């Protein structure tokens, strides 16, 4: 039922608007995550260890600049919600670069790449999604590469053994399932999904988007600190769908009866 309603929405709403709104939500989630998950305020006060993995030679700035960083992200999100996409992306880009200089996270890199492309690349419009638009193509490749690289990395990192899922199960459910085969099967299913989603986005975009929403929505229910990443991935998936108002006909947008 949920998938059916989602497909109906994809037939009626502009995918470009969905992309921008979900990207804006990802920026808001980035600030919320900093406040409640990472506790960056305490980090910049020096009360807890400086949780950083890169750019250690750059000193942590004061909480005053941290507020400026968060303000830039929230202003960027607000401008995007109001349709000022270029300006909103520019504000967000400055805030994200500031954030990356203080604490490195892969999800921040993704958000920074998206904001950079939207700020300096050709403007997106409804017809640009299926034309030769460098910004659209660059952003589409981000989600495809993330899934493919993640799947290959899991294979070579022995993720398929299921040990990682076993540890996550103990942390989230506070218990261990006795059968190790269940974890191994689950690990291979995760890898299979990551290899399948790019193909669905390219060939059956509506099903691909539904898959991205279900996968990342499910992950975020158990791992709340990945909401910015999940929302960004959902946003990028909408770029594979042509707008119902586009002047270019799309046979894949069929009416659901």
Protein backbone atom coordinates (compact mmCIF):
# COMPACT_ATOMS: atom_id res chain seq x y z
CA UNK A 1 0.00 0.00 0.00
CA UNK A 2 2.83 2.41 0.90
CA UNK A 3 4.65 1.65 -2.34
CA UNK A 4 1.45 2.21 -4.32
CA UNK A 5 0.88 5.65 -2.77
CA UNK A 6 4.53 6.55 -3.38
CA UNK A 7 4.25 5.66 -7.06
CA UNK A 8 1.10 7.76 -7.38
CA UNK A 9 2.92 10.74 -5.86
CA UNK A 10 5.82 10.28 -8.28
CA UNK A 11 3.36 10.52 -11.16
CA UNK A 12 1.86 13.80 -9.98
CA UNK A 13 4.63 15.82 -8.29
CA UNK A 14 7.63 17.46 -9.93
CA UNK A 15 10.70 15.30 -9.23
CA UNK A 16 12.87 18.42 -9.32
CA UNK A 17 10.85 19.98 -6.48
CA UNK A 18 11.11 16.76 -4.53
CA UNK A 19 14.87 16.73 -5.10
CA UNK A 20 15.33 20.28 -3.79
CA UNK A 21 12.99 19.81 -0.82
CA UNK A 22 14.66 16.59 0.29
CA UNK A 23 18.09 18.20 -0.12
CA UNK A 24 16.86 21.05 2.07
CA UNK A 25 15.64 18.53 4.64
CA UNK A 26 19.07 16.85 4.54
CA UNK A 27 20.68 20.20 5.44
CA UNK A 28 18.29 20.66 8.37
CA UNK A 29 18.96 17.08 9.48
CA UNK A 30 22.69 17.84 9.35
CA UNK A 31 22.27 20.59 11.95
CA UNK A 32 19.92 18.49 14.09
CA UNK A 33 22.39 15.60 13.99
CA UNK A 34 25.24 17.89 15.05
CA UNK A 35 23.22 19.08 18.04
CA UNK A 36 21.67 15.85 19.30
CA UNK A 37 23.84 13.03 17.92
CA UNK A 38 27.40 14.32 17.68
CA UNK A 39 27.09 16.96 20.42
CA UNK A 40 29.37 19.34 18.56
CA UNK A 41 28.60 22.18 20.95
CA UNK A 42 30.39 20.29 23.73
CA UNK A 43 33.23 19.45 21.35
CA UNK A 44 33.82 23.10 20.48
CA UNK A 45 33.62 24.02 24.16
CA UNK A 46 36.41 21.51 24.80
CA UNK A 47 34.28 19.47 27.20
CA UNK A 48 34.71 16.24 25.20
CA UNK A 49 37.34 14.96 22.82
CA UNK A 50 37.62 16.59 19.36
CA UNK A 51 35.82 14.00 17.25
CA UNK A 52 37.70 14.54 13.98
CA UNK A 53 39.36 12.33 11.35
CA UNK A 54 40.82 14.85 8.91
CA UNK A 55 42.34 18.34 8.80
CA UNK A 56 43.73 17.99 12.31
CA UNK A 57 46.07 20.90 11.62
CA UNK A 58 43.06 23.27 11.50
CA UNK A 59 42.13 24.29 15.05
CA UNK A 60 38.60 23.90 16.32
CA UNK A 61 36.82 27.23 16.15
CA UNK A 62 34.65 28.77 18.84
CA UNK A 63 30.98 28.08 19.45
CA UNK A 64 30.24 31.50 17.93
CA UNK A 65 31.52 30.29 14.55
CA UNK A 66 29.70 26.99 15.08
CA UNK A 67 26.46 28.95 15.31
CA UNK A 68 27.41 30.77 12.09
CA UNK A 69 27.99 27.39 10.41
CA UNK A 70 24.61 26.08 11.51
CA UNK A 71 22.99 29.36 10.53
CA UNK A 72 24.40 29.13 7.01
CA UNK A 73 23.02 25.61 6.61
CA UNK A 74 19.58 26.57 7.90
CA UNK A 75 19.46 29.74 5.77
CA UNK A 76 20.47 27.65 2.77
CA UNK A 77 17.70 25.16 3.49
CA UNK A 78 15.13 27.93 3.94
CA UNK A 79 16.11 29.57 0.64
CA UNK A 80 15.85 26.22 -1.12
CA UNK A 81 12.39 25.63 0.36
CA UNK A 82 11.39 29.06 -1.02
CA UNK A 83 12.70 28.23 -4.50
CA UNK A 84 15.94 30.26 -4.29
CA UNK A 85 17.94 27.18 -5.14
CA UNK A 86 21.18 28.76 -6.38
CA UNK A 87 21.48 31.12 -3.41
CA UNK A 88 20.40 28.44 -0.97
CA UNK A 89 23.00 26.02 -2.29
CA UNK A 90 25.69 28.72 -2.06
CA UNK A 91 24.92 29.43 1.60
CA UNK A 92 24.83 25.71 2.34
CA UNK A 93 28.13 25.17 0.52
CA UNK A 94 29.94 27.69 2.73
CA UNK A 95 28.48 26.11 5.87
CA UNK A 96 29.38 22.59 4.72
CA UNK A 97 32.98 23.55 3.90
CA UNK A 98 33.26 25.10 7.38
CA UNK A 99 31.84 21.91 8.89
CA UNK A 100 34.22 19.65 6.95
CA UNK A 101 37.20 21.69 8.15
CA UNK A 102 36.20 20.85 11.71
CA UNK A 103 34.95 17.27 11.54
CA UNK A 104 35.13 14.89 8.59
CA UNK A 105 32.18 12.67 7.69
CA UNK A 106 31.40 10.92 4.41
CA UNK A 107 27.82 12.21 4.45
CA UNK A 108 29.14 15.78 4.67
CA UNK A 109 31.25 15.15 1.57
CA UNK A 110 28.14 14.04 -0.33
CA UNK A 111 26.17 17.11 0.79
CA UNK A 112 29.11 19.35 -0.14
CA UNK A 113 29.34 17.84 -3.64
CA UNK A 114 25.62 18.35 -4.18
CA UNK A 115 25.74 21.96 -2.94
CA UNK A 116 28.82 22.66 -5.08
CA UNK A 117 27.20 21.30 -8.24
CA UNK A 118 24.01 23.28 -7.63
CA UNK A 119 26.00 26.46 -6.96
CA UNK A 120 28.46 26.49 -9.88
CA UNK A 121 26.92 24.09 -12.41
CA UNK A 122 24.29 24.73 -15.07
CA UNK A 123 20.84 25.38 -13.66
CA UNK A 124 18.47 22.47 -13.40
CA UNK A 125 15.01 22.62 -14.90
CA UNK A 126 12.29 20.08 -15.55
CA UNK A 127 13.53 19.18 -19.04
CA UNK A 128 17.22 19.27 -18.04
CA UNK A 129 16.90 16.00 -16.13
CA UNK A 130 16.78 14.02 -19.36
CA UNK A 131 18.91 16.31 -21.51
CA UNK A 132 22.65 16.91 -21.59
CA UNK A 133 22.90 18.84 -18.34
CA UNK A 134 26.25 18.57 -16.57
CA UNK A 135 24.79 19.27 -13.15
CA UNK A 136 22.11 16.58 -13.46
CA UNK A 137 24.60 14.05 -14.84
CA UNK A 138 27.15 14.81 -12.12
CA UNK A 139 24.57 14.38 -9.36
CA UNK A 140 23.14 11.19 -10.85
CA UNK A 141 26.60 9.66 -10.94
CA UNK A 142 27.08 10.37 -7.24
CA UNK A 143 24.32 8.03 -6.12
CA UNK A 144 25.25 5.36 -8.68
CA UNK A 145 28.91 5.36 -7.62
CA UNK A 146 28.05 5.34 -3.92
CA UNK A 147 26.00 2.17 -4.28
CA UNK A 148 28.50 0.43 -6.54
CA UNK A 149 31.58 1.36 -4.50
CA UNK A 150 29.81 0.46 -1.27
CA UNK A 151 28.83 -2.98 -2.60
CA UNK A 152 32.34 -3.75 -3.90
CA UNK A 153 33.88 -2.49 -0.67
CA UNK A 154 31.63 -4.77 1.40
CA UNK A 155 32.67 -7.77 -0.67
CA UNK A 156 36.40 -7.14 -0.24
CA UNK A 157 36.03 -6.15 3.42
CA UNK A 158 34.46 -9.51 4.26
CA UNK A 159 31.14 -7.86 5.08
CA UNK A 160 29.44 -10.89 3.57
CA UNK A 161 30.53 -12.97 6.56
CA UNK A 162 27.75 -11.30 8.51
CA UNK A 163 29.95 -10.29 11.44
CA UNK A 164 29.16 -6.60 11.01
CA UNK A 165 25.42 -7.28 11.09
CA UNK A 166 25.88 -9.49 14.15
CA UNK A 167 27.59 -6.64 16.02
CA UNK A 168 24.88 -4.19 14.93
CA UNK A 169 22.22 -6.63 16.10
CA UNK A 170 23.79 -6.83 19.55
CA UNK A 171 24.00 -3.03 19.77
CA UNK A 172 20.50 -2.29 18.49
CA UNK A 173 18.50 -5.25 19.75
CA UNK A 174 20.67 -6.02 22.78
CA UNK A 175 20.67 -9.68 21.83
CA UNK A 176 22.45 -12.09 19.52
CA UNK A 177 20.71 -14.42 17.09
CA UNK A 178 22.24 -17.85 17.50
CA UNK A 179 22.30 -18.76 13.81
CA UNK A 180 25.32 -17.16 12.08
CA UNK A 181 23.86 -18.13 8.68
CA UNK A 182 21.10 -15.54 9.15
CA UNK A 183 23.67 -12.76 9.41
CA UNK A 184 25.54 -14.01 6.36
CA UNK A 185 22.35 -14.19 4.27
CA UNK A 186 21.39 -10.71 5.46
CA UNK A 187 24.80 -9.36 4.50
CA UNK A 188 24.54 -10.77 0.98
CA UNK A 189 21.04 -9.30 0.65
CA UNK A 190 22.43 -5.86 1.53
CA UNK A 191 25.12 -6.24 -1.14
CA UNK A 192 22.56 -7.45 -3.69
CA UNK A 193 20.31 -4.47 -2.98
CA UNK A 194 23.19 -2.03 -3.43
CA UNK A 195 24.02 -3.60 -6.79
CA UNK A 196 20.37 -3.69 -7.89
CA UNK A 197 19.31 -0.14 -7.02
CA UNK A 198 21.53 1.56 -9.66
CA UNK A 199 20.07 -0.69 -12.35
CA UNK A 200 16.52 0.08 -11.21
CA UNK A 201 17.19 3.83 -11.14
CA UNK A 202 18.47 3.68 -14.71
CA UNK A 203 15.85 1.35 -16.17
CA UNK A 204 12.80 1.51 -13.86
CA UNK A 205 13.25 4.83 -12.00
CA UNK A 206 9.97 4.75 -10.11
CA UNK A 207 10.75 1.34 -8.65
CA UNK A 208 14.32 2.46 -8.02
CA UNK A 209 13.12 5.50 -6.08
CA UNK A 210 10.73 3.36 -4.06
CA UNK A 211 13.62 1.04 -3.25
CA UNK A 212 15.88 3.92 -2.18
CA UNK A 213 13.15 5.35 0.07
CA UNK A 214 12.43 1.98 1.69
CA UNK A 215 16.10 1.05 2.17
CA UNK A 216 17.32 4.36 3.58
CA UNK A 217 14.13 5.00 5.50
CA UNK A 218 14.55 1.62 7.15
CA UNK A 219 18.22 2.21 7.95
CA UNK A 220 17.42 5.59 9.51
CA UNK A 221 14.89 4.06 11.88
CA UNK A 222 17.72 2.11 13.51
CA UNK A 223 20.61 4.53 12.91
CA UNK A 224 19.32 8.04 13.54
CA UNK A 225 22.67 9.73 12.86
CA UNK A 226 22.50 8.85 9.15
CA UNK A 227 19.33 10.86 8.44
CA UNK A 228 21.27 13.57 6.52
CA UNK A 229 22.81 10.90 4.28
CA UNK A 230 19.52 9.06 3.80
CA UNK A 231 17.63 12.23 2.85
CA UNK A 232 20.41 13.23 0.43
CA UNK A 233 20.32 9.82 -1.26
CA UNK A 234 16.52 9.99 -1.57
CA UNK A 235 16.85 13.49 -3.04
CA UNK A 236 19.35 12.30 -5.66
CA UNK A 237 17.13 9.39 -6.66
CA UNK A 238 14.39 11.80 -7.80
CA UNK A 239 16.70 13.12 -10.53
CA UNK A 240 16.19 9.91 -12.49
CA UNK A 241 12.48 10.59 -12.93
CA UNK A 242 11.08 12.88 -15.57
CA UNK A 243 8.56 15.51 -14.54
CA UNK A 244 4.90 14.89 -15.45
CA UNK A 245 4.92 18.50 -16.73
CA UNK A 246 7.97 17.97 -18.91
CA UNK A 247 7.59 18.72 -22.60
CA UNK A 248 9.53 15.56 -23.36
CA UNK A 249 7.21 12.54 -23.37
CA UNK A 250 8.06 9.75 -20.96
CA UNK A 251 6.39 6.40 -21.51
CA UNK A 252 7.48 5.22 -18.08
CA UNK A 253 5.06 7.57 -16.38
CA UNK A 254 1.91 5.52 -16.80
CA UNK A 255 -1.28 6.09 -14.92
CA UNK A 256 -1.82 3.70 -12.07
CA UNK A 257 -5.24 2.18 -12.16
